[in-house]
Structure formats: C-alpha cells, structure tokens
C-alpha atoms as a PDB file:
ATOM      1  CA  UNK A   1      77.153  74.490  88.323  1.00  0.00           C
ATOM      2  CA  UNK A   2      78.547  77.714  86.892  1.00  0.00           C
ATOM      3  CA  UNK A   3      75.862  77.791  84.198  1.00  0.00           C
ATOM      4  CA  UNK A   4      73.101  76.990  86.697  1.00  0.00           C
ATOM      5  CA  UNK A   5      72.177  73.734  84.993  1.00  0.00           C
ATOM      6  CA  UNK A   6      71.217  71.019  87.492  1.00  0.00           C
ATOM      7  CA  UNK A   7      72.929  67.659  87.142  1.00  0.00           C
ATOM      8  CA  UNK A   8      71.297  64.259  86.943  1.00  0.00           C
ATOM      9  CA  UNK A   9      73.013  62.701  89.952  1.00  0.00           C
ATOM     10  CA  UNK A  10      72.951  59.214  91.372  1.00  0.00           C
ATOM     11  CA  UNK A  11      73.575  58.152  94.959  1.00  0.00           C
ATOM     12  CA  UNK A  12      77.288  57.614  94.262  1.00  0.00           C
ATOM     13  CA  UNK A  13      77.638  61.237  93.165  1.00  0.00           C
ATOM     14  CA  UNK A  14      75.659  62.468  96.166  1.00  0.00           C
ATOM     15  CA  UNK A  15      77.780  60.330  98.497  1.00  0.00           C
ATOM     16  CA  UNK A  16      80.965  61.810  97.084  1.00  0.00           C
ATOM     17  CA  UNK A  17      79.803  65.430  96.811  1.00  0.00           C
ATOM     18  CA  UNK A  18      77.082  65.491  99.459  1.00  0.00           C
ATOM     19  CA  UNK A  19      78.857  68.168 101.463  1.00  0.00           C
ATOM     20  CA  UNK A  20      78.346  70.536  98.519  1.00  0.00           C
ATOM     21  CA  UNK A  21      75.310  69.283  96.604  1.00  0.00           C
ATOM     22  CA  UNK A  22      72.043  67.872  97.890  1.00  0.00           C
ATOM     23  CA  UNK A  23      68.624  66.969  96.509  1.00  0.00           C
ATOM     24  CA  UNK A  24      67.616  70.608  96.054  1.00  0.00           C
ATOM     25  CA  UNK A  25      70.527  71.154  93.622  1.00  0.00           C
ATOM     26  CA  UNK A  26      70.245  68.071  91.397  1.00  0.00           C
ATOM     27  CA  UNK A  27      67.785  65.760  89.724  1.00  0.00           C
ATOM     28  CA  UNK A  28      68.146  62.424  91.462  1.00  0.00           C
ATOM     29  CA  UNK A  29      68.764  59.415  89.252  1.00  0.00           C
ATOM     30  CA  UNK A  30      66.581  56.781  90.900  1.00  0.00           C
ATOM     31  CA  UNK A  31      67.892  53.322  91.754  1.00  0.00           C
ATOM     32  CA  UNK A  32      67.645  50.890  88.804  1.00  0.00           C
ATOM     33  CA  UNK A  33      66.352  53.672  86.513  1.00  0.00           C
ATOM     34  CA  UNK A  34      68.101  53.812  83.147  1.00  0.00           C
ATOM     35  CA  UNK A  35      69.826  57.043  82.261  1.00  0.00           C
ATOM     36  CA  UNK A  36      67.464  57.536  79.317  1.00  0.00           C
ATOM     37  CA  UNK A  37      64.395  57.015  81.512  1.00  0.00           C
ATOM     38  CA  UNK A  38      65.778  59.442  84.076  1.00  0.00           C
ATOM     39  CA  UNK A  39      66.413  62.093  81.418  1.00  0.00           C
ATOM     40  CA  UNK A  40      62.915  61.668  80.017  1.00  0.00           C
ATOM     41  CA  UNK A  41      61.445  61.970  83.511  1.00  0.00           C
ATOM     42  CA  UNK A  42      63.352  65.216  84.062  1.00  0.00           C
ATOM     43  CA  UNK A  43      62.347  66.549  80.642  1.00  0.00           C
ATOM     44  CA  UNK A  44      58.673  66.003  81.466  1.00  0.00           C
ATOM     45  CA  UNK A  45      58.852  67.649  84.884  1.00  0.00           C
ATOM     46  CA  UNK A  46      57.021  70.884  85.491  1.00  0.00           C
ATOM     47  CA  UNK A  47      59.195  73.968  84.920  1.00  0.00           C
ATOM     48  CA  UNK A  48      58.834  74.851  88.611  1.00  0.00           C
ATOM     49  CA  UNK A  49      61.039  71.874  89.548  1.00  0.00           C
ATOM     50  CA  UNK A  50      63.670  72.995  87.076  1.00  0.00           C
ATOM     51  CA  UNK A  51      63.650  76.579  88.322  1.00  0.00           C
ATOM     52  CA  UNK A  52      63.832  75.575  91.978  1.00  0.00           C
ATOM     53  CA  UNK A  53      66.977  73.557  91.323  1.00  0.00           C
ATOM     54  CA  UNK A  54      68.472  76.243  89.110  1.00  0.00           C
ATOM     55  CA  UNK A  55      67.833  78.908  91.737  1.00  0.00           C
ATOM     56  CA  UNK A  56      69.357  76.678  94.439  1.00  0.00           C
ATOM     57  CA  UNK A  57      72.440  76.156  92.258  1.00  0.00           C
ATOM     58  CA  UNK A  58      72.815  79.882  91.644  1.00  0.00           C
ATOM     59  CA  UNK A  59      72.592  80.516  95.395  1.00  0.00           C
ATOM     60  CA  UNK A  60      75.130  77.753  96.070  1.00  0.00           C
ATOM     61  CA  UNK A  61      77.474  79.213  93.463  1.00  0.00           C
ATOM     62  CA  UNK A  62      77.294  82.632  95.143  1.00  0.00           C
ATOM     63  CA  UNK A  63      77.968  81.109  98.566  1.00  0.00           C
ATOM     64  CA  UNK A  64      80.961  79.106  97.320  1.00  0.00           C
ATOM     65  CA  UNK A  65      82.382  82.098  95.436  1.00  0.00           C
ATOM     66  CA  UNK A  66      82.066  84.245  98.555  1.00  0.00           C
ATOM     67  CA  UNK A  67      83.891  81.656 100.676  1.00  0.00           C
ATOM     68  CA  UNK A  68      86.590  81.302  98.018  1.00  0.00           C
ATOM     69  CA  UNK A  69      87.029  85.073  97.819  1.00  0.00           C
ATOM     70  CA  UNK A  70      87.466  85.318 101.612  1.00  0.00           C
ATOM     71  CA  UNK A  71      89.978  82.461 101.608  1.00  0.00           C
ATOM     72  CA  UNK A  72      91.941  83.917  98.696  1.00  0.00           C
ATOM     73  CA  UNK A  73      92.127  87.356 100.323  1.00  0.00           C
ATOM     74  CA  UNK A  74      93.421  85.780 103.524  1.00  0.00           C
ATOM     75  CA  UNK A  75      96.082  83.850 101.600  1.00  0.00           C
ATOM     76  CA  UNK A  76      97.158  86.966  99.695  1.00  0.00           C
ATOM     77  CA  UNK A  77      97.351  89.014 102.900  1.00  0.00           C
ATOM     78  CA  UNK A  78      99.394  86.259 104.515  1.00  0.00           C
ATOM     79  CA  UNK A  79     101.769  86.101 101.553  1.00  0.00           C
ATOM     80  CA  UNK A  80     102.334  89.882 101.553  1.00  0.00           C
ATOM     81  CA  UNK A  81     102.583  90.348 105.317  1.00  0.00           C
ATOM     82  CA  UNK A  82     106.214  90.826 106.290  1.00  0.00           C
ATOM     83  CA  UNK A  83     107.502  88.431 108.894  1.00  0.00           C
ATOM     84  CA  UNK A  84     108.648  90.024 112.164  1.00  0.00           C
END
C-alpha cells in the first residue's frame, strides 16, 4: 500500500481486511481463476483501471496516516500529562 501498488486480492483477503480495503483498492482475483490468469487479466487492463486503484490506495494511505498521527499525538499527550 505504501508504494501505491494495488494488490491482487481474493475473497479471503477481502473478508479479513475488508474494513480497510475494498474493490476500489485492489484487483479482485476471481473465483476459480488461476493466479497466472488473474495476473494476465490485470496486465491487459486499460491503464485507467490501474490508475483508479492506485489513486484510491494513495488516498487510503493518507487517511490512515492522518488517523495514526492523531492517535499517536493523543497517546504522547497522555503519557506526558502529569497525573493530579
């Protein structure tokens, strides 16, 4: 995700990480499709499909980094706040 390269994800991956990733972030590995066939399908896709997913990943990365920054600041403030 950090490099903005969309993953080839199957339903198991999406079930496990569906709260973070969805179909706009990944190339979906279709049911009963071999990994090689899926990769070839993705390679032959129009560049627009690649860029849409890349852009969605970049946006997701920014959102997650922002949330992490807010959380980290709160934890640091809590750690350095003297107890009454």
